[in-house]
Amino acid sequence: LFKAGLQEGMLGEEVKNLNNFLHIYFDGLVNPEIPLPPSKDIFDKETAEKLKLFQKRHRLKESGILDNDSLLKINNVTCITMPGYSAKARVR
């Protein structure tokens, strides 16, 4: 869906996917049957700030750049599932 190295000023589908992930992570989905709102395909200041907050919550370097450590943490997040994104189910 996206790769490491995304940063402010970049454009494209991978940035759009990152924005979708950050939207779901921070705002959640009340009903997964309702489609996501249109997502930006630009990595702007808002994207960088949300990514920094994600990094802070997971005790990562707060760079606002999607580095390898942040990407690995995103891939290990188990509390959400996005279209085309397979997350492990948490069993209690």
Protein backbone atom coordinates (compact mmCIF):
# COMPACT_ATOMS: atom_id res chain seq x y z
CA LEU A 1 0.00 0.00 0.00
CA PHE A 2 2.86 2.38 0.76
CA LYS A 3 6.60 2.22 1.31
CA ALA A 4 9.17 3.82 3.58
CA GLY A 5 10.51 7.20 2.55
CA LEU A 6 7.24 9.10 2.18
CA GLN A 7 7.57 12.68 3.41
CA GLU A 8 6.09 16.14 3.22
CA GLY A 9 5.65 17.43 -0.31
CA MET A 10 5.25 14.02 -1.93
CA LEU A 11 2.19 13.13 -4.03
CA GLY A 12 0.54 9.95 -5.22
CA GLU A 13 -1.42 6.82 -4.46
CA GLU A 14 0.93 5.67 -1.68
CA VAL A 15 0.45 9.00 0.11
CA LYS A 16 -3.31 8.62 -0.30
CA ASN A 17 -3.09 5.15 1.27
CA LEU A 18 -1.04 6.52 4.18
CA ASN A 19 -3.61 9.27 4.73
CA ASN A 20 -6.36 6.62 4.73
CA PHE A 21 -4.43 4.59 7.32
CA LEU A 22 -3.88 7.63 9.55
CA HIS A 23 -7.55 8.58 9.25
CA ILE A 24 -8.68 5.13 10.32
CA TYR A 25 -6.05 4.89 13.07
CA PHE A 26 -6.96 8.21 14.68
CA ASP A 27 -10.64 8.60 13.83
CA GLY A 28 -11.67 4.96 13.63
CA LEU A 29 -14.52 3.49 11.66
CA VAL A 30 -17.92 3.42 13.30
CA ASN A 31 -19.27 1.20 10.54
CA PRO A 32 -16.79 -0.56 8.22
CA GLU A 33 -19.56 -0.79 5.59
CA ILE A 34 -19.41 2.99 5.15
CA PRO A 35 -16.69 3.93 2.67
CA LEU A 36 -13.79 6.14 3.68
CA PRO A 37 -14.11 9.83 2.91
CA PRO A 38 -12.05 10.98 -0.06
CA SER A 39 -8.40 11.01 0.93
CA LYS A 40 -5.70 13.47 -0.05
CA ASP A 41 -2.93 12.29 -2.30
CA ILE A 42 -0.53 14.93 -0.96
CA PHE A 43 1.74 14.54 2.05
CA ASP A 44 1.11 17.89 3.71
CA LYS A 45 1.71 19.36 7.18
CA GLU A 46 -1.43 17.65 8.51
CA THR A 47 -0.14 14.26 7.33
CA ALA A 48 3.26 14.93 8.89
CA GLU A 49 1.67 15.94 12.21
CA LYS A 50 -0.56 12.84 12.31
CA LEU A 51 2.43 10.65 11.48
CA LYS A 52 4.47 12.33 14.25
CA LEU A 53 1.67 11.60 16.70
CA PHE A 54 1.56 7.97 15.55
CA GLN A 55 5.34 7.79 15.99
CA LYS A 56 5.11 9.32 19.47
CA ARG A 57 2.39 6.87 20.56
CA HIS A 58 4.61 3.99 19.49
CA ARG A 59 7.83 5.43 20.95
CA LEU A 60 9.44 5.94 17.56
CA LYS A 61 11.56 8.83 16.33
CA GLU A 62 9.09 11.69 15.76
CA SER A 63 10.32 12.75 12.33
CA GLY A 64 7.06 13.04 10.39
CA ILE A 65 8.74 10.92 7.70
CA LEU A 66 7.56 7.38 7.05
CA ASP A 67 10.82 5.64 7.95
CA ASN A 68 11.39 1.88 8.16
CA ASP A 69 10.61 1.67 11.89
CA SER A 70 7.32 3.51 11.43
CA LEU A 71 6.39 1.31 8.47
CA LEU A 72 7.12 -1.83 10.48
CA LYS A 73 4.93 -0.55 13.33
CA ILE A 74 2.10 0.28 10.92
CA ASN A 75 2.34 -3.23 9.52
CA ASN A 76 2.05 -4.63 13.06
CA VAL A 77 -0.93 -2.57 14.15
CA THR A 78 -3.65 -5.09 14.90
CA CYS A 79 -6.58 -2.90 15.83
CA ILE A 80 -7.77 -2.02 12.30
CA THR A 81 -8.32 -3.45 8.87
CA MET A 82 -8.37 -1.32 5.75
CA PRO A 83 -9.38 -2.34 2.24
CA GLY A 84 -6.44 -4.25 0.79
CA TYR A 85 -4.70 -4.29 4.19
CA SER A 86 -4.58 -7.51 6.14
CA ALA A 87 -4.15 -7.11 9.88
CA LYS A 88 -3.82 -10.00 12.33
CA ALA A 89 -6.87 -10.56 14.47
CA ARG A 90 -6.31 -10.07 18.18
CA VAL A 91 -7.47 -13.07 20.15
CA ARG A 92 -8.26 -12.67 23.85
